[in-house]
Protein backbone atom coordinates (compact mmCIF):
# COMPACT_ATOMS: atom_id res chain seq x y z
CA MET A 1 -31.86 45.84 -2.13
CA PRO A 2 -30.28 42.42 -1.78
CA ASP A 3 -32.05 39.72 -3.67
CA GLN A 4 -32.55 36.11 -2.20
CA GLY A 5 -29.46 35.09 -3.93
CA ILE A 6 -27.05 36.93 -1.73
CA VAL A 7 -28.85 36.82 1.56
CA LYS A 8 -26.88 35.08 4.32
CA TYR A 9 -29.18 35.21 7.38
CA HIS A 10 -32.83 35.62 8.15
CA VAL A 11 -33.23 37.36 11.55
CA ILE A 12 -36.63 36.35 12.79
CA LEU A 13 -38.35 38.07 15.75
CA LYS A 14 -41.63 37.46 17.36
CA PHE A 15 -43.64 40.41 18.66
CA ASP A 16 -46.74 41.17 20.92
CA ILE A 17 -48.33 44.71 20.94
CA ASP A 18 -50.88 45.91 23.38
CA GLY A 19 -53.21 47.44 20.68
CA VAL A 20 -54.19 47.25 17.04
CA VAL A 21 -51.44 48.49 14.62
CA ASP A 22 -50.54 47.95 10.98
CA LYS A 23 -47.37 47.03 9.07
CA ALA A 24 -46.40 50.66 8.39
CA ASP A 25 -46.56 51.41 12.25
CA LEU A 26 -44.15 48.29 12.92
CA ILE A 27 -41.68 49.35 10.09
CA GLY A 28 -41.74 53.02 11.46
CA ALA A 29 -41.13 51.86 15.01
CA ILE A 30 -38.23 49.42 14.04
CA PHE A 31 -36.45 51.91 11.88
CA GLY A 32 -36.95 54.91 14.08
CA GLN A 33 -36.09 53.29 17.55
CA THR A 34 -32.97 51.76 16.15
CA GLU A 35 -31.59 54.66 14.37
CA GLY A 36 -28.37 56.28 15.76
CA LEU A 37 -27.74 53.49 18.57
CA PHE A 38 -24.57 52.36 16.98
CA GLY A 39 -23.56 55.19 14.54
CA PRO A 40 -24.81 55.91 11.09
CA ASP A 41 -23.18 52.93 9.43
CA MET A 42 -25.41 50.58 11.47
CA ASN A 43 -28.69 52.31 10.66
CA LEU A 44 -31.18 49.98 8.96
CA ASN A 45 -31.59 52.75 6.34
CA GLU A 46 -28.03 52.78 5.56
CA LEU A 47 -27.67 48.94 5.62
CA GLN A 48 -30.48 48.92 3.08
CA LYS A 49 -28.78 51.39 0.88
CA SER A 50 -25.59 49.34 0.90
CA TRP A 51 -27.48 46.32 0.04
CA LYS A 52 -26.82 44.60 3.37
CA VAL A 53 -30.34 44.53 4.58
CA GLY A 54 -33.11 43.47 2.39
CA ARG A 55 -36.89 44.11 2.27
CA ILE A 56 -38.27 43.65 5.84
CA GLU A 57 -41.21 41.21 5.92
CA ILE A 58 -43.89 41.55 8.53
CA ASN A 59 -46.69 39.01 9.27
CA LEU A 60 -49.31 40.14 11.84
CA VAL A 61 -52.66 39.31 13.22
CA SER A 62 -54.91 41.54 15.21
CA ARG A 63 -57.39 39.98 17.75
CA ASN A 64 -59.19 41.19 20.97
CA GLY A 65 -57.51 44.46 20.79
CA LYS A 66 -54.02 43.11 20.58
CA THR A 67 -51.53 42.40 17.62
CA GLY A 68 -49.06 39.58 17.37
CA GLY A 69 -46.86 38.12 14.65
CA ASP A 70 -43.24 38.09 13.40
CA VAL A 71 -40.71 40.21 11.64
CA ILE A 72 -38.24 38.60 9.08
CA ILE A 73 -35.17 40.72 8.34
CA PRO A 74 -33.04 39.48 5.43
CA MET A 75 -29.13 40.25 5.85
CA SER A 76 -26.06 39.73 3.93
CA THR A 77 -23.74 40.85 6.72
CA ASP A 78 -21.66 38.72 9.03
CA ILE A 79 -23.28 37.00 11.95
CA SER A 80 -22.15 39.58 14.57
CA THR A 81 -23.90 42.38 12.64
CA ALA A 82 -26.98 40.21 12.28
CA SER A 83 -26.90 39.51 15.99
CA LEU A 84 -26.50 43.27 16.71
CA ILE A 85 -29.46 44.22 14.63
CA ALA A 86 -31.48 41.55 16.30
CA ALA A 87 -30.63 42.87 19.84
CA ALA A 88 -31.53 46.33 18.71
CA VAL A 89 -34.90 45.42 17.40
CA GLU A 90 -35.57 43.59 20.68
CA GLY A 91 -35.04 46.91 22.26
CA VAL A 92 -38.09 48.50 20.50
CA GLU A 93 -40.59 49.18 23.44
CA LYS A 94 -43.51 51.09 21.56
CA VAL A 95 -45.24 50.87 18.24
CA GLY A 96 -47.20 54.01 17.88
CA PRO A 97 -48.88 54.67 21.25
CA CYS A 98 -48.93 50.93 22.27
CA GLN A 99 -46.58 48.93 24.43
CA ALA A 100 -44.66 46.41 22.45
CA HIS A 101 -42.46 43.44 23.22
CA PHE A 102 -40.03 41.88 20.73
CA LYS A 103 -38.18 38.57 21.10
CA LEU A 104 -35.68 36.93 18.88
CA SER A 105 -36.92 33.64 17.62
CA SER A 106 -33.99 32.50 15.45
CA ILE A 107 -31.25 33.65 13.14
CA ASP A 108 -31.42 31.20 10.17
CA ASP A 109 -28.48 30.63 7.90
CA VAL A 110 -29.96 30.80 4.54
CA ARG A 111 -26.77 29.43 2.88
CA ALA A 112 -27.26 26.22 4.88
CA SER A 113 -30.56 25.42 3.03
CA LYS A 114 -28.65 26.35 -0.25
CA ARG A 115 -25.90 24.02 0.68
CA LYS A 116 -28.31 21.28 1.43
CA ALA A 117 -30.07 21.87 -2.02
CA ILE A 118 -26.55 21.83 -3.64
CA VAL A 119 -25.52 18.63 -1.76
CA ASP A 120 -28.79 16.87 -2.61
CA ARG A 121 -28.40 17.74 -6.24
CA ALA A 122 -24.72 16.60 -6.16
CA LYS A 123 -25.84 13.21 -4.65
CA SER A 124 -28.37 12.92 -7.49
CA ILE A 125 -25.74 13.75 -10.10
CA MET A 126 -23.25 11.29 -8.59
CA LYS A 127 -25.78 8.56 -8.24
CA GLN A 128 -26.86 8.95 -11.83
CA TRP A 129 -23.36 8.97 -13.23
CA SER A 130 -21.54 6.68 -10.97
CA SER A 131 -24.30 4.13 -11.49
CA LYS A 132 -23.70 4.38 -15.26
CA SER A 133 -19.98 3.87 -14.77
CA LEU A 134 -20.44 1.29 -12.12
CA SER A 135 -22.91 -0.67 -14.31
CA GLU A 136 -20.30 -0.78 -17.16
CA GLY A 137 -17.77 -2.03 -14.61
CA GLU A 138 -20.18 -4.52 -13.24
CA ASP A 139 -20.85 -5.80 -16.68
CA VAL A 140 -17.19 -6.75 -17.07
CA LEU A 141 -17.16 -8.23 -13.51
CA LYS A 142 -20.36 -10.09 -14.22
CA ASP A 143 -18.86 -11.77 -17.34
CA VAL A 144 -15.98 -12.90 -15.33
CA MET A 145 -18.20 -14.15 -12.43
CA GLU A 146 -20.51 -15.97 -14.82
CA SER A 147 -17.72 -17.78 -16.38
CA GLY A 148 -16.73 -18.77 -12.98
CA ARG A 149 -20.09 -20.15 -12.26
CA ARG A 150 -20.22 -22.01 -15.45
CA ALA A 151 -16.94 -23.74 -14.56
CA ARG A 152 -17.66 -26.21 -11.78
CA LEU A 153 -14.91 -27.40 -9.41
CA VAL A 154 -13.70 -30.95 -10.13
CA THR A 155 -11.15 -33.34 -8.74
CA TYR A 156 -7.96 -34.61 -10.50
CA GLY A 157 -5.91 -37.64 -9.95
CA LYS A 158 -5.89 -40.40 -7.39
CA GLU A 159 -5.40 -37.71 -4.58
CA ASP A 160 -8.74 -35.93 -5.71
CA LEU A 161 -6.99 -32.64 -6.12
CA PRO A 162 -9.28 -29.69 -6.40
CA ALA A 163 -9.21 -28.52 -10.07
CA GLY A 164 -11.06 -26.75 -12.86
CA PRO A 165 -12.35 -28.79 -15.78
CA GLY A 166 -9.77 -27.29 -18.13
CA VAL A 167 -6.99 -29.46 -16.56
CA PHE A 168 -8.25 -32.26 -18.70
CA SER A 169 -8.58 -30.50 -22.04
CA SER A 170 -5.97 -27.76 -22.02
CA ASP A 171 -2.32 -28.41 -22.99
CA ARG A 172 -1.20 -25.89 -20.49
CA VAL A 173 -2.16 -26.06 -16.76
CA LEU A 174 -1.73 -23.60 -13.98
CA ILE A 175 -0.74 -24.95 -10.56
CA VAL A 176 -1.78 -23.31 -7.32
CA GLU A 177 -1.59 -24.13 -3.72
CA GLY A 178 -5.16 -24.89 -2.44
CA ARG A 179 -8.80 -25.23 -3.20
CA ALA A 180 -9.64 -21.59 -2.28
CA ASP A 181 -7.12 -20.55 -5.01
CA VAL A 182 -8.68 -22.79 -7.62
CA ILE A 183 -12.12 -21.18 -6.82
CA VAL A 184 -10.73 -17.63 -7.19
CA LEU A 185 -9.32 -18.54 -10.59
CA LEU A 186 -12.49 -20.28 -11.77
CA LYS A 187 -14.34 -16.99 -11.05
CA ALA A 188 -11.71 -15.19 -13.07
CA GLY A 189 -12.65 -17.50 -16.02
CA ILE A 190 -9.41 -19.59 -15.73
CA GLU A 191 -10.32 -23.26 -15.88
CA ASN A 192 -7.08 -25.01 -16.52
CA VAL A 193 -5.98 -24.86 -12.84
CA VAL A 194 -5.16 -27.51 -10.35
CA ALA A 195 -4.04 -27.31 -6.65
CA VAL A 196 -1.21 -29.31 -5.05
CA GLU A 197 -2.75 -29.05 -1.55
CA GLY A 198 0.45 -28.76 0.44
CA THR A 199 4.16 -28.61 0.09
CA ASN A 200 4.57 -32.34 -0.86
CA ILE A 201 4.02 -32.49 -4.54
CA PRO A 202 1.53 -35.24 -5.31
CA ASP A 203 2.44 -38.01 -7.92
CA SER A 204 -0.56 -36.81 -10.15
CA ILE A 205 1.24 -33.41 -10.65
CA ILE A 206 4.50 -35.01 -11.46
CA ARG A 207 2.79 -37.15 -14.16
CA LEU A 208 0.89 -34.08 -15.39
CA GLY A 209 4.23 -32.42 -15.88
CA LYS A 210 5.35 -35.16 -18.23
CA GLU A 211 2.18 -34.69 -20.39
CA LYS A 212 1.41 -30.98 -20.25
CA LYS A 213 3.19 -27.70 -19.99
CA LEU A 214 2.93 -26.39 -16.37
CA SER A 215 3.10 -22.88 -14.76
CA ALA A 216 2.46 -21.92 -11.15
CA PHE A 217 0.57 -19.14 -9.42
CA LEU A 218 1.69 -18.98 -5.82
CA ASP A 219 1.18 -16.97 -2.66
CA GLY A 220 3.55 -13.96 -2.15
CA ASP A 221 4.90 -15.27 1.15
CA ARG A 222 7.33 -17.62 2.46
CA GLY A 223 4.78 -20.65 1.93
CA GLY A 224 4.80 -19.66 -1.69
CA ASP A 225 8.60 -19.86 -1.84
CA LEU A 226 8.64 -23.34 -0.29
CA ILE A 227 6.04 -24.71 -2.56
CA LEU A 228 7.87 -23.27 -5.62
CA ARG A 229 11.12 -24.92 -4.48
CA GLU A 230 9.41 -28.21 -4.20
CA LEU A 231 7.75 -27.80 -7.58
CA GLN A 232 10.96 -26.95 -9.27
CA GLN A 233 12.54 -30.09 -8.02
CA VAL A 234 10.05 -32.43 -9.60
CA VAL A 235 8.51 -30.55 -12.63
CA LYS A 236 9.45 -28.06 -15.31
CA LEU A 237 7.75 -24.74 -14.83
CA GLU A 238 7.11 -22.54 -18.00
CA ARG A 239 6.55 -19.62 -15.97
CA VAL A 240 5.96 -18.61 -12.37
CA LEU A 241 3.33 -15.98 -11.20
CA ARG A 242 3.11 -14.60 -7.60
CA ALA A 243 0.60 -12.79 -5.71
CA PRO A 244 1.81 -9.35 -4.36
CA ALA A 245 4.39 -9.65 -1.46
CA GLY A 246 2.68 -10.75 1.76
CA LYS A 247 -0.59 -11.64 0.02
CA GLU A 248 -2.17 -15.00 -0.73
CA VAL A 249 -3.82 -15.91 -4.12
CA GLU A 250 -7.12 -16.71 -2.27
CA GLU A 251 -7.24 -13.09 -0.89
CA LEU A 252 -7.21 -11.68 -4.48
CA SER A 253 -10.42 -10.67 -6.30
CA PRO A 254 -11.14 -12.57 -9.57
CA VAL A 255 -10.33 -9.29 -11.45
CA GLU A 256 -6.92 -8.90 -9.64
CA ALA A 257 -6.09 -12.59 -10.23
CA LEU A 258 -6.97 -12.33 -13.98
CA ALA A 259 -4.94 -9.16 -14.29
CA ILE A 260 -1.80 -10.88 -12.85
CA VAL A 261 -2.22 -13.78 -15.40
CA ARG A 262 -2.71 -11.45 -18.25
CA GLN A 263 0.06 -9.02 -17.50
CA ARG A 264 2.50 -11.97 -17.33
CA GLU A 265 1.28 -13.96 -20.31
CA HIS A 266 4.83 -14.15 -21.63
CA PRO A 267 7.85 -15.28 -19.38
CA LYS A 268 10.95 -13.35 -19.49
CA PRO A 269 13.22 -14.53 -22.19
CA VAL A 270 15.95 -17.03 -21.00
CA ARG A 271 18.59 -14.80 -22.37
CA GLU A 272 17.40 -11.86 -20.14
CA GLU A 273 17.62 -14.12 -16.97
CA LYS A 274 20.99 -15.16 -18.03
CA VAL A 275 22.06 -11.52 -18.46
CA ARG A 276 20.72 -10.70 -14.95
CA LYS A 277 22.70 -13.61 -13.42
CA GLU A 278 25.92 -12.53 -14.89
CA GLU A 279 25.37 -9.01 -13.84
CA VAL A 280 24.80 -10.12 -10.23
CA ARG A 281 27.84 -12.53 -10.34
CA ARG A 282 30.01 -9.69 -11.48
CA LYS A 283 28.76 -7.22 -8.94
CA ILE A 284 28.79 -9.67 -5.89
CA PRO A 285 32.17 -10.05 -4.22
CA ASP A 286 33.81 -13.39 -4.64
CA GLU A 287 34.20 -13.86 -0.92
CA LEU A 288 30.46 -13.03 -0.30
CA ASN A 289 29.60 -15.54 -3.05
CA SER A 290 31.62 -18.26 -1.35
CA LYS A 291 30.38 -17.41 2.13
CA THR A 292 26.67 -17.39 0.85
CA LYS A 293 27.19 -20.97 -0.67
CA GLU A 294 28.53 -22.02 2.83
CA ILE A 295 25.62 -20.47 4.71
CA PHE A 296 22.86 -21.30 2.41
CA PRO A 297 22.25 -25.05 3.39
CA LYS A 298 22.47 -23.99 7.13
CA ILE A 299 19.83 -21.33 6.96
CA ASP A 300 17.51 -22.65 4.09
CA GLY A 301 14.19 -23.17 5.67
CA THR A 302 14.88 -21.91 9.15
CA LEU A 303 13.80 -18.17 8.71
CA GLU A 304 17.16 -17.03 10.09
CA ALA A 305 19.56 -14.25 9.07
CA VAL A 306 23.31 -14.08 9.15
CA ILE A 307 25.05 -10.75 9.53
CA LEU A 308 28.57 -10.45 8.23
CA ASP A 309 31.34 -7.72 8.60
CA LYS A 310 33.44 -6.41 5.96
CA SER A 311 35.74 -9.32 6.16
CA ILE A 312 32.97 -11.70 5.44
CA ILE A 313 33.06 -13.00 9.08
CA GLU A 314 29.88 -13.97 10.78
CA ILE A 315 29.16 -11.58 13.72
CA ASN A 316 25.54 -12.54 14.41
CA ARG A 317 22.73 -14.92 13.64
CA ILE A 318 19.10 -13.98 14.46
CA PRO A 319 15.54 -14.73 13.49
CA VAL A 320 14.41 -12.83 10.29
CA SER A 321 11.68 -11.20 12.25
CA GLU A 322 14.19 -9.37 14.41
CA LEU A 323 16.57 -8.43 11.40
CA VAL A 324 15.48 -4.86 10.91
CA LYS A 325 15.38 -3.93 14.61
CA ASN A 326 18.98 -5.81 15.16
CA LEU A 327 20.64 -3.90 12.30
CA GLU A 328 19.92 -0.59 14.08
CA SER A 329 22.12 -1.65 17.00
CA THR A 330 24.66 -3.83 15.34
CA LYS A 331 28.10 -2.31 14.57
CA ASP A 332 30.43 -3.33 11.73
CA ALA A 333 27.55 -5.06 9.71
CA LYS A 334 28.27 -4.96 6.04
CA TYR A 335 26.34 -7.99 4.51
CA VAL A 336 23.15 -9.88 5.39
CA VAL A 337 22.46 -13.47 4.03
CA PHE A 338 18.96 -14.53 5.12
CA ASP A 339 16.06 -16.92 4.56
CA GLY A 340 13.49 -14.44 3.33
CA ILE A 341 12.28 -11.83 0.93
CA ILE A 342 14.28 -8.67 0.30
CA THR A 343 11.90 -5.68 0.70
CA GLN A 344 12.19 -1.91 0.42
CA ARG A 345 11.89 -1.65 4.22
CA LEU A 346 14.80 -3.96 4.71
CA ILE A 347 16.94 -2.21 2.08
CA ASP A 348 16.37 1.22 3.76
CA ALA A 349 17.11 -0.16 7.37
CA ALA A 350 20.24 -1.95 6.04
CA SER A 351 21.65 1.01 4.11
CA ASN A 352 20.98 3.34 6.96
CA SER A 353 23.05 0.98 9.20
CA GLY A 354 25.98 0.82 6.87
CA VAL A 355 25.19 -2.50 5.15
CA ILE A 356 26.14 -2.52 1.71
CA GLY A 357 24.83 -5.97 0.35
CA ILE A 358 22.02 -8.41 0.94
CA VAL A 359 21.30 -12.04 -0.39
CA GLY A 360 17.86 -13.57 0.14
CA HIS A 361 15.42 -16.03 -1.40
CA ARG A 362 13.73 -13.34 -3.57
CA THR A 363 12.92 -9.62 -3.97
CA GLY A 364 9.62 -7.87 -3.32
CA GLU A 365 8.67 -4.59 -4.72
CA ILE A 366 11.71 -2.51 -4.66
CA LYS A 367 11.43 1.22 -5.52
CA GLY A 368 15.12 2.21 -5.12
CA ALA A 369 18.55 1.32 -3.50
CA PRO A 370 21.91 2.98 -3.35
CA ALA A 371 23.90 2.67 -6.64
CA SER A 372 26.55 0.62 -4.98
CA PHE A 373 24.22 -1.66 -2.93
CA VAL A 374 24.70 -5.34 -3.64
CA MET A 375 21.28 -7.22 -3.90
CA ALA A 376 21.03 -10.85 -5.15
CA THR A 377 18.84 -13.82 -4.74
CA PHE A 378 20.07 -17.34 -4.09
CA HIS A 379 18.63 -18.38 -7.44
CA GLU A 380 20.84 -15.63 -9.15
CA ILE A 381 24.04 -17.00 -7.78
CA GLY A 382 23.05 -20.51 -8.55
CA LEU A 383 21.98 -21.94 -5.47
CA GLU A 384 18.34 -22.71 -6.33
């Protein structure tokens, strides 16, 4: 007979009998009066032999000449067979000489309770082991956060610029945009940081650049581009770090900010940058190079895009926000020169529209482009 481990359902029926009977009478009535109703394969005897029905349990109480209680039939069949057996037992009308009435109380899915037990145990396991892993991760983050708490926010220069205490003692200083950025880096344990608080570079930052080596950690958007341009005009930057495209430094967690700083501890060698510039200048057509130098001062800071045909003649000038949509409907477009960031989405839209080259302020995260596609920044062709 099936043990508790393979039982799927418990068919539970309540009964009332007009007389005093015992368990053997009930078992006999149930087996006898359901036998042959639906063929030999559905007899309870045969179902027990094939391990589809377990040992039937009966709980009864006799009082005042009547007997009542319940019958529990363990089954490892499908729900339709369990339902059929339940209906058959409800049809039992007599137990011995006494009138009887059986009524289905429930069909309980035994697997549901097993699933609950398994899920509860899984939760316990997950809680135990994830808390161990989490505690290790929290220890790392706690160290970072505590270092940030120890480093208080200070001010620097006559403009009272938000800064970390390391701005006074370190020979290298990291420049960010605003107060919130300074706080993020302090929490990451980086104390040699100061904010410019706007696109107009304060005199204190210019003087700082004459005394110490400066780097910049700026937002990954157009605002970051503008501040970088202003900085490069008045101070020499040892390296430039950027938040991911479209994201601001203040939106980063301390751990994310620390990872960016650590991953870019060493700037690209100057020779590598020169090689890249030479490669771009060899690949970009001379006519496009010349046209870009003509267009650049007209669109710089305007957030506009200029679309050129194969003869490098301007055929449209539109806001950058409408560029992707416009390329889909513009015929004869071959090149784009625009005041913005070259993204993978723009490259895909441009190449699908027949465009073979783009020049912009900088590139975002690019996963791929056609081999013949021309992609360059204003800096790479000597305009910034």
